[in-house]
mmCIF file of all heavy atoms, coordinates in Angstrom:
data_MODEL
# 
_entry.id   MODEL 
# 
loop_
_atom_site.group_PDB 
_atom_site.id 
_atom_site.type_symbol 
_atom_site.label_atom_id 
_atom_site.label_alt_id 
_atom_site.label_comp_id 
_atom_site.label_asym_id 
_atom_site.label_entity_id 
_atom_site.label_seq_id 
_atom_site.pdbx_PDB_ins_code 
_atom_site.Cartn_x 
_atom_site.Cartn_y 
_atom_site.Cartn_z 
_atom_site.occupancy 
_atom_site.B_iso_or_equiv 
_atom_site.pdbx_formal_charge 
_atom_site.auth_seq_id 
_atom_site.auth_comp_id 
_atom_site.auth_asym_id 
_atom_site.auth_atom_id 
_atom_site.pdbx_PDB_model_num 
ATOM 1   N N   . PRO A 1 1  ? 119.259 100.159 99.859  1.00 0.00 ? 1  PRO A N   1 
ATOM 2   C CA  . PRO A 1 1  ? 118.693 98.811  99.814  1.00 0.00 ? 1  PRO A CA  1 
ATOM 3   C C   . PRO A 1 1  ? 117.179 98.813  99.962  1.00 0.00 ? 1  PRO A C   1 
ATOM 4   O O   . PRO A 1 1  ? 116.565 97.777  99.768  1.00 0.00 ? 1  PRO A O   1 
ATOM 5   C CB  . PRO A 1 1  ? 119.319 98.112  100.994 1.00 0.00 ? 1  PRO A CB  1 
ATOM 6   C CG  . PRO A 1 1  ? 119.656 99.211  101.961 1.00 0.00 ? 1  PRO A CG  1 
ATOM 7   C CD  . PRO A 1 1  ? 120.014 100.378 101.118 1.00 0.00 ? 1  PRO A CD  1 
ATOM 8   N N   . TYR A 1 2  ? 116.592 99.908  100.257 1.00 0.00 ? 2  TYR A N   1 
ATOM 9   C CA  . TYR A 1 2  ? 115.152 99.972  100.462 1.00 0.00 ? 2  TYR A CA  1 
ATOM 10  C C   . TYR A 1 2  ? 114.381 100.294 99.182  1.00 0.00 ? 2  TYR A C   1 
ATOM 11  O O   . TYR A 1 2  ? 113.176 100.274 99.144  1.00 0.00 ? 2  TYR A O   1 
ATOM 12  C CB  . TYR A 1 2  ? 114.748 101.033 101.519 1.00 0.00 ? 2  TYR A CB  1 
ATOM 13  C CG  . TYR A 1 2  ? 115.634 100.960 102.722 1.00 0.00 ? 2  TYR A CG  1 
ATOM 14  C CD1 . TYR A 1 2  ? 116.388 102.026 103.084 1.00 0.00 ? 2  TYR A CD1 1 
ATOM 15  C CD2 . TYR A 1 2  ? 115.631 99.806  103.489 1.00 0.00 ? 2  TYR A CD2 1 
ATOM 16  C CE1 . TYR A 1 2  ? 117.204 101.984 104.218 1.00 0.00 ? 2  TYR A CE1 1 
ATOM 17  C CE2 . TYR A 1 2  ? 116.420 99.755  104.603 1.00 0.00 ? 2  TYR A CE2 1 
ATOM 18  C CZ  . TYR A 1 2  ? 117.217 100.812 105.000 1.00 0.00 ? 2  TYR A CZ  1 
ATOM 19  O OH  . TYR A 1 2  ? 118.016 100.719 106.078 1.00 0.00 ? 2  TYR A OH  1 
ATOM 20  N N   . VAL A 1 3  ? 115.085 100.583 98.106  1.00 0.00 ? 3  VAL A N   1 
ATOM 21  C CA  . VAL A 1 3  ? 114.363 101.073 96.918  1.00 0.00 ? 3  VAL A CA  1 
ATOM 22  C C   . VAL A 1 3  ? 114.743 100.133 95.768  1.00 0.00 ? 3  VAL A C   1 
ATOM 23  O O   . VAL A 1 3  ? 115.943 99.833  95.546  1.00 0.00 ? 3  VAL A O   1 
ATOM 24  C CB  . VAL A 1 3  ? 114.750 102.529 96.566  1.00 0.00 ? 3  VAL A CB  1 
ATOM 25  C CG1 . VAL A 1 3  ? 113.988 102.979 95.326  1.00 0.00 ? 3  VAL A CG1 1 
ATOM 26  C CG2 . VAL A 1 3  ? 114.438 103.431 97.740  1.00 0.00 ? 3  VAL A CG2 1 
ATOM 27  N N   . SER A 1 4  ? 113.755 99.680  95.044  1.00 0.00 ? 4  SER A N   1 
ATOM 28  C CA  . SER A 1 4  ? 113.990 98.878  93.834  1.00 0.00 ? 4  SER A CA  1 
ATOM 29  C C   . SER A 1 4  ? 112.822 98.936  92.964  1.00 0.00 ? 4  SER A C   1 
ATOM 30  O O   . SER A 1 4  ? 111.707 99.276  93.372  1.00 0.00 ? 4  SER A O   1 
ATOM 31  C CB  . SER A 1 4  ? 114.275 97.407  94.244  1.00 0.00 ? 4  SER A CB  1 
ATOM 32  O OG  . SER A 1 4  ? 114.355 96.606  93.113  1.00 0.00 ? 4  SER A OG  1 
ATOM 33  N N   . THR A 1 5  ? 113.055 98.694  91.733  1.00 0.00 ? 5  THR A N   1 
ATOM 34  C CA  . THR A 1 5  ? 111.944 98.741  90.781  1.00 0.00 ? 5  THR A CA  1 
ATOM 35  C C   . THR A 1 5  ? 111.662 97.302  90.271  1.00 0.00 ? 5  THR A C   1 
ATOM 36  O O   . THR A 1 5  ? 110.946 97.103  89.325  1.00 0.00 ? 5  THR A O   1 
ATOM 37  C CB  . THR A 1 5  ? 112.265 99.622  89.588  1.00 0.00 ? 5  THR A CB  1 
ATOM 38  O OG1 . THR A 1 5  ? 113.472 99.140  89.002  1.00 0.00 ? 5  THR A OG1 1 
ATOM 39  C CG2 . THR A 1 5  ? 112.482 101.069 90.057  1.00 0.00 ? 5  THR A CG2 1 
ATOM 40  N N   . SER A 1 6  ? 112.260 96.280  90.895  1.00 0.00 ? 6  SER A N   1 
ATOM 41  C CA  . SER A 1 6  ? 112.115 94.909  90.396  1.00 0.00 ? 6  SER A CA  1 
ATOM 42  C C   . SER A 1 6  ? 110.807 94.280  90.873  1.00 0.00 ? 6  SER A C   1 
ATOM 43  O O   . SER A 1 6  ? 110.586 94.131  92.073  1.00 0.00 ? 6  SER A O   1 
ATOM 44  C CB  . SER A 1 6  ? 113.295 94.038  90.888  1.00 0.00 ? 6  SER A CB  1 
ATOM 45  O OG  . SER A 1 6  ? 113.055 92.716  90.604  1.00 0.00 ? 6  SER A OG  1 
ATOM 46  N N   . SER A 1 7  ? 109.984 93.965  89.922  1.00 0.00 ? 7  SER A N   1 
ATOM 47  C CA  . SER A 1 7  ? 108.710 93.285  90.261  1.00 0.00 ? 7  SER A CA  1 
ATOM 48  C C   . SER A 1 7  ? 108.951 91.859  90.721  1.00 0.00 ? 7  SER A C   1 
ATOM 49  O O   . SER A 1 7  ? 108.199 91.318  91.531  1.00 0.00 ? 7  SER A O   1 
ATOM 50  C CB  . SER A 1 7  ? 107.787 93.291  89.057  1.00 0.00 ? 7  SER A CB  1 
ATOM 51  O OG  . SER A 1 7  ? 108.425 92.624  87.953  1.00 0.00 ? 7  SER A OG  1 
ATOM 52  N N   . ASP A 1 8  ? 110.044 91.242  90.183  1.00 0.00 ? 8  ASP A N   1 
ATOM 53  C CA  . ASP A 1 8  ? 110.363 89.886  90.645  1.00 0.00 ? 8  ASP A CA  1 
ATOM 54  C C   . ASP A 1 8  ? 110.698 89.817  92.083  1.00 0.00 ? 8  ASP A C   1 
ATOM 55  O O   . ASP A 1 8  ? 110.352 88.910  92.826  1.00 0.00 ? 8  ASP A O   1 
ATOM 56  C CB  . ASP A 1 8  ? 111.558 89.350  89.833  1.00 0.00 ? 8  ASP A CB  1 
ATOM 57  C CG  . ASP A 1 8  ? 111.178 89.045  88.398  1.00 0.00 ? 8  ASP A CG  1 
ATOM 58  O OD1 . ASP A 1 8  ? 109.983 88.852  88.124  1.00 0.00 ? 8  ASP A OD1 1 
ATOM 59  O OD2 . ASP A 1 8  ? 112.097 89.003  87.566  1.00 0.00 ? 8  ASP A OD2 1 
ATOM 60  N N   . ALA A 1 9  ? 111.425 90.824  92.553  1.00 0.00 ? 9  ALA A N   1 
ATOM 61  C CA  . ALA A 1 9  ? 111.809 90.903  93.936  1.00 0.00 ? 9  ALA A CA  1 
ATOM 62  C C   . ALA A 1 9  ? 110.590 91.013  94.828  1.00 0.00 ? 9  ALA A C   1 
ATOM 63  O O   . ALA A 1 9  ? 110.430 90.392  95.888  1.00 0.00 ? 9  ALA A O   1 
ATOM 64  C CB  . ALA A 1 9  ? 112.809 92.060  94.189  1.00 0.00 ? 9  ALA A CB  1 
ATOM 65  N N   . LYS A 1 10 ? 109.655 91.857  94.391  1.00 0.00 ? 10 LYS A N   1 
ATOM 66  C CA  . LYS A 1 10 ? 108.408 92.002  95.152  1.00 0.00 ? 10 LYS A CA  1 
ATOM 67  C C   . LYS A 1 10 ? 107.650 90.663  95.241  1.00 0.00 ? 10 LYS A C   1 
ATOM 68  O O   . LYS A 1 10 ? 107.157 90.314  96.281  1.00 0.00 ? 10 LYS A O   1 
ATOM 69  C CB  . LYS A 1 10 ? 107.523 93.068  94.516  1.00 0.00 ? 10 LYS A CB  1 
ATOM 70  C CG  . LYS A 1 10 ? 108.103 94.471  94.596  1.00 0.00 ? 10 LYS A CG  1 
ATOM 71  C CD  . LYS A 1 10 ? 107.150 95.450  93.925  1.00 0.00 ? 10 LYS A CD  1 
ATOM 72  C CE  . LYS A 1 10 ? 107.674 96.884  94.009  1.00 0.00 ? 10 LYS A CE  1 
ATOM 73  N NZ  . LYS A 1 10 ? 106.811 97.863  93.345  1.00 0.00 ? 10 LYS A NZ  1 
ATOM 74  N N   . ALA A 1 11 ? 107.639 89.997  94.122  1.00 0.00 ? 11 ALA A N   1 
ATOM 75  C CA  . ALA A 1 11 ? 106.930 88.720  94.125  1.00 0.00 ? 11 ALA A CA  1 
ATOM 76  C C   . ALA A 1 11 ? 107.601 87.709  95.065  1.00 0.00 ? 11 ALA A C   1 
ATOM 77  O O   . ALA A 1 11 ? 106.914 86.936  95.752  1.00 0.00 ? 11 ALA A O   1 
ATOM 78  C CB  . ALA A 1 11 ? 106.898 88.170  92.694  1.00 0.00 ? 11 ALA A CB  1 
ATOM 79  N N   . PHE A 1 12 ? 108.935 87.744  95.105  1.00 0.00 ? 12 PHE A N   1 
ATOM 80  C CA  . PHE A 1 12 ? 109.696 86.794  96.015  1.00 0.00 ? 12 PHE A CA  1 
ATOM 81  C C   . PHE A 1 12 ? 109.338 87.052  97.432  1.00 0.00 ? 12 PHE A C   1 
ATOM 82  O O   . PHE A 1 12 ? 109.043 86.118  98.220  1.00 0.00 ? 12 PHE A O   1 
ATOM 83  C CB  . PHE A 1 12 ? 111.150 86.982  95.764  1.00 0.00 ? 12 PHE A CB  1 
ATOM 84  C CG  . PHE A 1 12 ? 112.006 86.116  96.679  1.00 0.00 ? 12 PHE A CG  1 
ATOM 85  C CD1 . PHE A 1 12 ? 112.180 84.787  96.422  1.00 0.00 ? 12 PHE A CD1 1 
ATOM 86  C CD2 . PHE A 1 12 ? 112.663 86.677  97.771  1.00 0.00 ? 12 PHE A CD2 1 
ATOM 87  C CE1 . PHE A 1 12 ? 112.949 84.009  97.220  1.00 0.00 ? 12 PHE A CE1 1 
ATOM 88  C CE2 . PHE A 1 12 ? 113.405 85.896  98.575  1.00 0.00 ? 12 PHE A CE2 1 
ATOM 89  C CZ  . PHE A 1 12 ? 113.571 84.541  98.344  1.00 0.00 ? 12 PHE A CZ  1 
ATOM 90  N N   . VAL A 1 13 ? 109.351 88.337  97.859  1.00 0.00 ? 13 VAL A N   1 
ATOM 91  C CA  . VAL A 1 13 ? 109.057 88.708  99.217  1.00 0.00 ? 13 VAL A CA  1 
ATOM 92  C C   . VAL A 1 13 ? 107.608 88.345  99.559  1.00 0.00 ? 13 VAL A C   1 
ATOM 93  O O   . VAL A 1 13 ? 107.304 87.861  100.613 1.00 0.00 ? 13 VAL A O   1 
ATOM 94  C CB  . VAL A 1 13 ? 109.343 90.155  99.483  1.00 0.00 ? 13 VAL A CB  1 
ATOM 95  C CG1 . VAL A 1 13 ? 108.876 90.580  100.876 1.00 0.00 ? 13 VAL A CG1 1 
ATOM 96  C CG2 . VAL A 1 13 ? 110.840 90.483  99.346  1.00 0.00 ? 13 VAL A CG2 1 
ATOM 97  N N   . SER A 1 14 ? 106.730 88.579  98.640  1.00 0.00 ? 14 SER A N   1 
ATOM 98  C CA  . SER A 1 14 ? 105.331 88.287  98.861  1.00 0.00 ? 14 SER A CA  1 
ATOM 99  C C   . SER A 1 14 ? 105.103 86.799  99.067  1.00 0.00 ? 14 SER A C   1 
ATOM 100 O O   . SER A 1 14 ? 104.330 86.369  99.935  1.00 0.00 ? 14 SER A O   1 
ATOM 101 C CB  . SER A 1 14 ? 104.480 88.758  97.638  1.00 0.00 ? 14 SER A CB  1 
ATOM 102 O OG  . SER A 1 14 ? 103.143 88.395  97.854  1.00 0.00 ? 14 SER A OG  1 
ATOM 103 N N   . ALA A 1 15 ? 105.869 86.007  98.296  1.00 0.00 ? 15 ALA A N   1 
ATOM 104 C CA  . ALA A 1 15 ? 105.766 84.542  98.463  1.00 0.00 ? 15 ALA A CA  1 
ATOM 105 C C   . ALA A 1 15 ? 106.244 84.082  99.834  1.00 0.00 ? 15 ALA A C   1 
ATOM 106 O O   . ALA A 1 15 ? 105.679 83.242  100.489 1.00 0.00 ? 15 ALA A O   1 
ATOM 107 C CB  . ALA A 1 15 ? 106.537 83.831  97.361  1.00 0.00 ? 15 ALA A CB  1 
ATOM 108 N N   . LEU A 1 16 ? 107.360 84.666  100.256 1.00 0.00 ? 16 LEU A N   1 
ATOM 109 C CA  . LEU A 1 16 ? 107.922 84.304  101.570 1.00 0.00 ? 16 LEU A CA  1 
ATOM 110 C C   . LEU A 1 16 ? 106.938 84.615  102.674 1.00 0.00 ? 16 LEU A C   1 
ATOM 111 O O   . LEU A 1 16 ? 106.839 83.930  103.667 1.00 0.00 ? 16 LEU A O   1 
ATOM 112 C CB  . LEU A 1 16 ? 109.247 85.053  101.801 1.00 0.00 ? 16 LEU A CB  1 
ATOM 113 C CG  . LEU A 1 16 ? 110.495 84.495  101.123 1.00 0.00 ? 16 LEU A CG  1 
ATOM 114 C CD1 . LEU A 1 16 ? 111.685 85.376  101.475 1.00 0.00 ? 16 LEU A CD1 1 
ATOM 115 C CD2 . LEU A 1 16 ? 110.759 83.041  101.563 1.00 0.00 ? 16 LEU A CD2 1 
ATOM 116 N N   . ASP A 1 17 ? 106.223 85.718  102.501 1.00 0.00 ? 17 ASP A N   1 
ATOM 117 C CA  . ASP A 1 17 ? 105.295 86.153  103.527 1.00 0.00 ? 17 ASP A CA  1 
ATOM 118 C C   . ASP A 1 17 ? 104.222 85.133  103.847 1.00 0.00 ? 17 ASP A C   1 
ATOM 119 O O   . ASP A 1 17 ? 103.625 85.084  104.911 1.00 0.00 ? 17 ASP A O   1 
ATOM 120 C CB  . ASP A 1 17 ? 104.614 87.469  103.160 1.00 0.00 ? 17 ASP A CB  1 
ATOM 121 C CG  . ASP A 1 17 ? 105.622 88.635  103.304 1.00 0.00 ? 17 ASP A CG  1 
ATOM 122 O OD1 . ASP A 1 17 ? 106.681 88.439  103.906 1.00 0.00 ? 17 ASP A OD1 1 
ATOM 123 O OD2 . ASP A 1 17 ? 105.268 89.721  102.795 1.00 0.00 ? 17 ASP A OD2 1 
ATOM 124 N N   . GLN A 1 18 ? 103.978 84.252  102.879 1.00 0.00 ? 18 GLN A N   1 
ATOM 125 C CA  . GLN A 1 18 ? 102.880 83.314  103.023 1.00 0.00 ? 18 GLN A CA  1 
ATOM 126 C C   . GLN A 1 18 ? 103.265 82.061  103.782 1.00 0.00 ? 18 GLN A C   1 
ATOM 127 O O   . GLN A 1 18 ? 102.394 81.244  104.153 1.00 0.00 ? 18 GLN A O   1 
ATOM 128 C CB  . GLN A 1 18 ? 102.354 82.913  101.649 1.00 0.00 ? 18 GLN A CB  1 
ATOM 129 C CG  . GLN A 1 18 ? 101.992 84.054  100.730 1.00 0.00 ? 18 GLN A CG  1 
ATOM 130 C CD  . GLN A 1 18 ? 100.992 84.972  101.363 1.00 0.00 ? 18 GLN A CD  1 
ATOM 131 O OE1 . GLN A 1 18 ? 99.941  84.557  101.906 1.00 0.00 ? 18 GLN A OE1 1 
ATOM 132 N NE2 . GLN A 1 18 ? 101.246 86.306  101.334 1.00 0.00 ? 18 GLN A NE2 1 
ATOM 133 N N   . VAL A 1 19 ? 104.542 81.792  104.002 1.00 0.00 ? 19 VAL A N   1 
ATOM 134 C CA  . VAL A 1 19 ? 104.970 80.500  104.543 1.00 0.00 ? 19 VAL A CA  1 
ATOM 135 C C   . VAL A 1 19 ? 105.493 80.529  105.977 1.00 0.00 ? 19 VAL A C   1 
ATOM 136 O O   . VAL A 1 19 ? 105.920 79.523  106.496 1.00 0.00 ? 19 VAL A O   1 
ATOM 137 C CB  . VAL A 1 19 ? 106.056 79.866  103.644 1.00 0.00 ? 19 VAL A CB  1 
ATOM 138 C CG1 . VAL A 1 19 ? 105.494 79.577  102.284 1.00 0.00 ? 19 VAL A CG1 1 
ATOM 139 C CG2 . VAL A 1 19 ? 107.284 80.784  103.529 1.00 0.00 ? 19 VAL A CG2 1 
ATOM 140 N N   . GLY A 1 20 ? 105.446 81.675  106.652 1.00 0.00 ? 20 GLY A N   1 
ATOM 141 C CA  . GLY A 1 20 ? 105.962 81.708  107.988 1.00 0.00 ? 20 GLY A CA  1 
ATOM 142 C C   . GLY A 1 20 ? 106.178 83.089  108.508 1.00 0.00 ? 20 GLY A C   1 
ATOM 143 O O   . GLY A 1 20 ? 105.629 84.087  107.990 1.00 0.00 ? 20 GLY A O   1 
ATOM 144 N N   . ILE A 1 21 ? 106.981 83.183  109.534 1.00 0.00 ? 21 ILE A N   1 
ATOM 145 C CA  . ILE A 1 21 ? 107.322 84.471  110.160 1.00 0.00 ? 21 ILE A CA  1 
ATOM 146 C C   . ILE A 1 21 ? 108.545 85.009  109.413 1.00 0.00 ? 21 ILE A C   1 
ATOM 147 O O   . ILE A 1 21 ? 109.651 84.424  109.517 1.00 0.00 ? 21 ILE A O   1 
ATOM 148 C CB  . ILE A 1 21 ? 107.598 84.273  111.650 1.00 0.00 ? 21 ILE A CB  1 
ATOM 149 C CG1 . ILE A 1 21 ? 106.429 83.598  112.312 1.00 0.00 ? 21 ILE A CG1 1 
ATOM 150 C CG2 . ILE A 1 21 ? 107.960 85.607  112.280 1.00 0.00 ? 21 ILE A CG2 1 
ATOM 151 C CD1 . ILE A 1 21 ? 106.710 83.085  113.722 1.00 0.00 ? 21 ILE A CD1 1 
ATOM 152 N N   . VAL A 1 22 ? 108.402 86.117  108.691 1.00 0.00 ? 22 VAL A N   1 
ATOM 153 C CA  . VAL A 1 22 ? 109.483 86.595  107.837 1.00 0.00 ? 22 VAL A CA  1 
ATOM 154 C C   . VAL A 1 22 ? 109.848 88.030  108.236 1.00 0.00 ? 22 VAL A C   1 
ATOM 155 O O   . VAL A 1 22 ? 108.946 88.878  108.458 1.00 0.00 ? 22 VAL A O   1 
ATOM 156 C CB  . VAL A 1 22 ? 109.081 86.538  106.378 1.00 0.00 ? 22 VAL A CB  1 
ATOM 157 C CG1 . VAL A 1 22 ? 110.199 87.116  105.462 1.00 0.00 ? 22 VAL A CG1 1 
ATOM 158 C CG2 . VAL A 1 22 ? 108.763 85.092  105.942 1.00 0.00 ? 22 VAL A CG2 1 
ATOM 159 N N   . SER A 1 23 ? 111.150 88.292  108.265 1.00 0.00 ? 23 SER A N   1 
ATOM 160 C CA  . SER A 1 23 ? 111.604 89.668  108.390 1.00 0.00 ? 23 SER A CA  1 
ATOM 161 C C   . SER A 1 23 ? 112.906 89.818  107.622 1.00 0.00 ? 23 SER A C   1 
ATOM 162 O O   . SER A 1 23 ? 113.633 88.819  107.444 1.00 0.00 ? 23 SER A O   1 
ATOM 163 C CB  . SER A 1 23 ? 111.843 90.014  109.893 1.00 0.00 ? 23 SER A CB  1 
ATOM 164 O OG  . SER A 1 23 ? 112.864 89.221  110.437 1.00 0.00 ? 23 SER A OG  1 
ATOM 165 N N   . ILE A 1 24 ? 113.176 91.038  107.169 1.00 0.00 ? 24 ILE A N   1 
ATOM 166 C CA  . ILE A 1 24 ? 114.406 91.345  106.448 1.00 0.00 ? 24 ILE A CA  1 
ATOM 167 C C   . ILE A 1 24 ? 115.074 92.534  107.056 1.00 0.00 ? 24 ILE A C   1 
ATOM 168 O O   . ILE A 1 24 ? 114.394 93.527  107.439 1.00 0.00 ? 24 ILE A O   1 
ATOM 169 C CB  . ILE A 1 24 ? 114.128 91.630  104.967 1.00 0.00 ? 24 ILE A CB  1 
ATOM 170 C CG1 . ILE A 1 24 ? 113.434 90.376  104.314 1.00 0.00 ? 24 ILE A CG1 1 
ATOM 171 C CG2 . ILE A 1 24 ? 115.408 91.940  104.193 1.00 0.00 ? 24 ILE A CG2 1 
ATOM 172 C CD1 . ILE A 1 24 ? 112.991 90.552  102.886 1.00 0.00 ? 24 ILE A CD1 1 
# 
């Protein structure tokens, strides 16, 4: 689960980081 090549997924996580306290 730690490895992916999806740029969309990276963008999603990056967006979440901007709106609060986030952990996965």
